[in-house]
C-alpha atoms as a PDB file:
ATOM      1  CA  ASP A   1     -97.779-166.853 -58.931  1.00  0.00           C
ATOM      2  CA  ASN A   2     -94.602-164.886 -58.260  1.00  0.00           C
ATOM      3  CA  ILE A   3     -92.852-168.006 -56.972  1.00  0.00           C
ATOM      4  CA  LYS A   4     -93.846-169.909 -60.113  1.00  0.00           C
ATOM      5  CA  THR A   5     -92.668-167.012 -62.285  1.00  0.00           C
ATOM      6  CA  GLN A   6     -89.285-166.869 -60.550  1.00  0.00           C
ATOM      7  CA  LEU A   7     -88.808-170.637 -60.746  1.00  0.00           C
ATOM      8  CA  ALA A   8     -89.729-170.579 -64.436  1.00  0.00           C
ATOM      9  CA  ALA A   9     -87.100-167.900 -65.046  1.00  0.00           C
ATOM     10  CA  ILE A  10     -84.457-169.856 -63.118  1.00  0.00           C
ATOM     11  CA  GLY A  11     -85.447-173.042 -64.944  1.00  0.00           C
ATOM     12  CA  GLN A  12     -85.110-171.329 -68.309  1.00  0.00           C
ATOM     13  CA  GLU A  13     -81.695-169.928 -67.384  1.00  0.00           C
ATOM     14  CA  LYS A  14     -80.353-173.196 -65.943  1.00  0.00           C
ATOM     15  CA  GLY A  15     -82.103-175.649 -68.260  1.00  0.00           C
ATOM     16  CA  VAL A  16     -84.064-177.161 -65.364  1.00  0.00           C
ATOM     17  CA  THR A  17     -87.707-178.192 -65.260  1.00  0.00           C
ATOM     18  CA  PHE A  18     -89.497-177.765 -61.930  1.00  0.00           C
ATOM     19  CA  GLU A  19     -92.417-179.871 -60.789  1.00  0.00           C
ATOM     20  CA  ILE A  20     -94.335-177.783 -58.265  1.00  0.00           C
ATOM     21  CA  SER A  21     -96.583-179.282 -55.606  1.00  0.00           C
ATOM     22  CA  TYR A  22     -98.762-176.874 -53.666  1.00  0.00           C
ATOM     23  CA  ASP A  23    -100.836-177.402 -50.559  1.00  0.00           C
ATOM     24  CA  ASN A  24    -102.625-175.179 -48.053  1.00  0.00           C
ATOM     25  CA  CYS A  25    -103.058-175.987 -44.379  1.00  0.00           C
ATOM     26  CA  ASN A  26    -105.667-173.260 -43.785  1.00  0.00           C
ATOM     27  CA  ALA A  27    -103.898-172.297 -40.532  1.00  0.00           C
ATOM     28  CA  ASP A  28    -104.335-175.794 -39.059  1.00  0.00           C
ATOM     29  CA  SER A  29    -101.054-176.925 -37.464  1.00  0.00           C
ATOM     30  CA  ALA A  30    -101.943-180.628 -37.611  1.00  0.00           C
ATOM     31  CA  VAL A  31    -102.641-180.327 -41.326  1.00  0.00           C
ATOM     32  CA  LEU A  32     -99.441-178.302 -41.780  1.00  0.00           C
ATOM     33  CA  ASN A  33     -97.366-181.034 -40.128  1.00  0.00           C
ATOM     34  CA  GLN A  34     -98.982-183.693 -42.335  1.00  0.00           C
ATOM     35  CA  ILE A  35     -98.323-181.630 -45.476  1.00  0.00           C
ATOM     36  CA  ILE A  36     -94.666-181.244 -44.507  1.00  0.00           C
ATOM     37  CA  ALA A  37     -94.373-184.971 -43.716  1.00  0.00           C
ATOM     38  CA  ASN A  38     -95.845-185.766 -47.139  1.00  0.00           C
ATOM     39  CA  PHE A  39     -93.370-183.421 -48.853  1.00  0.00           C
ATOM     40  CA  ILE A  40     -90.489-185.115 -47.024  1.00  0.00           C
ATOM     41  CA  ALA A  41     -91.815-188.585 -47.925  1.00  0.00           C
ATOM     42  CA  ASP A  42     -92.074-187.451 -51.559  1.00  0.00           C
ATOM     43  CA  LYS A  43     -88.384-186.476 -51.373  1.00  0.00           C
ATOM     44  CA  VAL A  44     -88.897-182.959 -52.698  1.00  0.00           C
ATOM     45  CA  ASP A  45     -85.786-180.975 -53.581  1.00  0.00           C
ATOM     46  CA  LEU A  46     -86.944-177.743 -51.976  1.00  0.00           C
ATOM     47  CA  MET A  47     -89.703-176.424 -49.722  1.00  0.00           C
ATOM     48  CA  ILE A  48     -91.060-172.893 -49.773  1.00  0.00           C
ATOM     49  CA  GLY A  49     -92.731-171.684 -46.608  1.00  0.00           C
ATOM     50  CA  VAL A  50     -94.938-168.612 -46.829  1.00  0.00           C
ATOM     51  CA  ALA A  51     -95.372-166.956 -43.420  1.00  0.00           C
ATOM     52  CA  THR A  52     -93.379-167.383 -40.228  1.00  0.00           C
ATOM     53  CA  PRO A  53     -95.201-170.385 -38.688  1.00  0.00           C
ATOM     54  CA  VAL A  54     -94.941-172.361 -41.925  1.00  0.00           C
ATOM     55  CA  ALA A  55     -91.250-171.578 -42.457  1.00  0.00           C
ATOM     56  CA  VAL A  56     -90.410-172.441 -38.836  1.00  0.00           C
ATOM     57  CA  ALA A  57     -92.310-175.741 -39.036  1.00  0.00           C
ATOM     58  CA  MET A  58     -90.587-176.630 -42.321  1.00  0.00           C
ATOM     59  CA  GLN A  59     -87.179-175.797 -40.890  1.00  0.00           C
ATOM     60  CA  ALA A  60     -87.769-177.928 -37.796  1.00  0.00           C
ATOM     61  CA  ALA A  61     -89.040-180.873 -39.829  1.00  0.00           C
ATOM     62  CA  THR A  62     -86.181-180.806 -42.331  1.00  0.00           C
ATOM     63  CA  GLU A  63     -83.234-180.339 -39.952  1.00  0.00           C
ATOM     64  CA  SER A  64     -82.122-183.948 -40.402  1.00  0.00           C
ATOM     65  CA  THR A  65     -82.558-183.873 -44.181  1.00  0.00           C
ATOM     66  CA  ASP A  66     -80.812-182.141 -47.048  1.00  0.00           C
ATOM     67  CA  ILE A  67     -84.023-180.413 -48.161  1.00  0.00           C
ATOM     68  CA  PRO A  68     -83.495-176.635 -48.210  1.00  0.00           C
ATOM     69  CA  VAL A  69     -86.296-174.339 -47.079  1.00  0.00           C
ATOM     70  CA  VAL A  70     -86.929-171.024 -48.805  1.00  0.00           C
ATOM     71  CA  PHE A  71     -89.241-168.603 -47.059  1.00  0.00           C
ATOM     72  CA  ALA A  72     -91.305-165.535 -47.820  1.00  0.00           C
ATOM     73  CA  ALA A  73     -93.517-163.206 -45.790  1.00  0.00           C
ATOM     74  CA  VAL A  74     -91.383-163.616 -42.653  1.00  0.00           C
ATOM     75  CA  SER A  75     -91.029-160.233 -40.978  1.00  0.00           C
ATOM     76  CA  ASP A  76     -88.204-161.126 -38.568  1.00  0.00           C
ATOM     77  CA  PRO A  77     -86.295-164.258 -39.636  1.00  0.00           C
ATOM     78  CA  VAL A  78     -83.621-163.734 -36.958  1.00  0.00           C
ATOM     79  CA  SER A  79     -86.126-163.713 -34.075  1.00  0.00           C
ATOM     80  CA  ALA A  80     -87.954-166.640 -35.662  1.00  0.00           C
ATOM     81  CA  GLY A  81     -84.678-168.609 -35.588  1.00  0.00           C
ATOM     82  CA  LEU A  82     -84.586-169.076 -39.359  1.00  0.00           C
ATOM     83  CA  VAL A  83     -81.254-167.283 -39.861  1.00  0.00           C
ATOM     84  CA  ALA A  84     -78.438-166.243 -37.533  1.00  0.00           C
ATOM     85  CA  GLU A  85     -78.115-162.762 -38.989  1.00  0.00           C
ATOM     86  CA  PRO A  86     -79.943-160.717 -41.620  1.00  0.00           C
ATOM     87  CA  GLY A  87     -78.838-161.219 -45.201  1.00  0.00           C
ATOM     88  CA  LYS A  88     -76.819-164.339 -44.392  1.00  0.00           C
ATOM     89  CA  PRO A  89     -79.001-167.400 -44.887  1.00  0.00           C
ATOM     90  CA  GLN A  90     -77.538-170.779 -44.119  1.00  0.00           C
ATOM     91  CA  LEU A  91     -78.629-174.128 -45.485  1.00  0.00           C
ATOM     92  CA  PRO A  92     -80.967-175.873 -45.050  1.00  0.00           C
ATOM     93  CA  VAL A  93     -82.797-172.534 -44.813  1.00  0.00           C
ATOM     94  CA  ALA A  94     -82.319-170.140 -47.696  1.00  0.00           C
ATOM     95  CA  ALA A  95     -83.886-166.687 -47.676  1.00  0.00           C
ATOM     96  CA  HIS A  96     -84.101-166.230 -51.425  1.00  0.00           C
ATOM     97  CA  PHE A  97     -84.232-168.262 -54.619  1.00  0.00           C
ATOM     98  CA  GLY A  98     -80.571-167.585 -55.438  1.00  0.00           C
ATOM     99  CA  SER A  99     -79.561-169.722 -52.476  1.00  0.00           C
ATOM    100  CA  ALA A 100     -81.455-172.770 -53.696  1.00  0.00           C
ATOM    101  CA  LYS A 101     -79.459-175.495 -55.378  1.00  0.00           C
ATOM    102  CA  SER A 102     -80.092-175.770 -59.093  1.00  0.00           C
ATOM    103  CA  GLY A 103     -78.625-178.151 -61.606  1.00  0.00           C
ATOM    104  CA  GLN A 104     -77.429-177.855 -65.154  1.00  0.00           C
ATOM    105  CA  GLY A 105     -78.782-179.606 -68.207  1.00  0.00           C
ATOM    106  CA  ASN A 106     -82.091-181.347 -68.663  1.00  0.00           C
ATOM    107  CA  GLN A 107     -82.871-182.090 -65.023  1.00  0.00           C
ATOM    108  CA  GLU A 108     -86.028-181.913 -62.986  1.00  0.00           C
ATOM    109  CA  GLY A 109     -86.481-180.331 -59.590  1.00  0.00           C
ATOM    110  CA  ARG A 110     -89.367-181.008 -57.235  1.00  0.00           C
ATOM    111  CA  CYS A 111     -90.439-177.925 -55.377  1.00  0.00           C
ATOM    112  CA  SER A 112     -93.192-177.928 -52.771  1.00  0.00           C
ATOM    113  CA  ARG A 113     -94.928-174.931 -51.326  1.00  0.00           C
ATOM    114  CA  GLY A 114     -96.921-175.360 -48.169  1.00  0.00           C
ATOM    115  CA  CYS A 115     -99.600-173.039 -46.844  1.00  0.00           C
END
């Protein structure tokens, strides 16, 4: 719910409407990979990975795309290889919502949260 609340606030501020797709892999890596593949095929604008394994899988799957990955509940993003140094996220991985691209005007963003 916190992610939805934050996106709603950003949407209100920027005049953007977000369409949010949510899926849960229930700790099954094969299901996780299929969820991520579906998000990529759907051409989402952003992926949010909750927990280290999910964020790492999303990062690996999106390296050749322009889809940024936002993560939460990752205790050590440097050791996980998600960022080079603390507090300095680089695209396509962004450590907080402020790093995500957002447009102006009456646009729509597709945001997908896996697991």
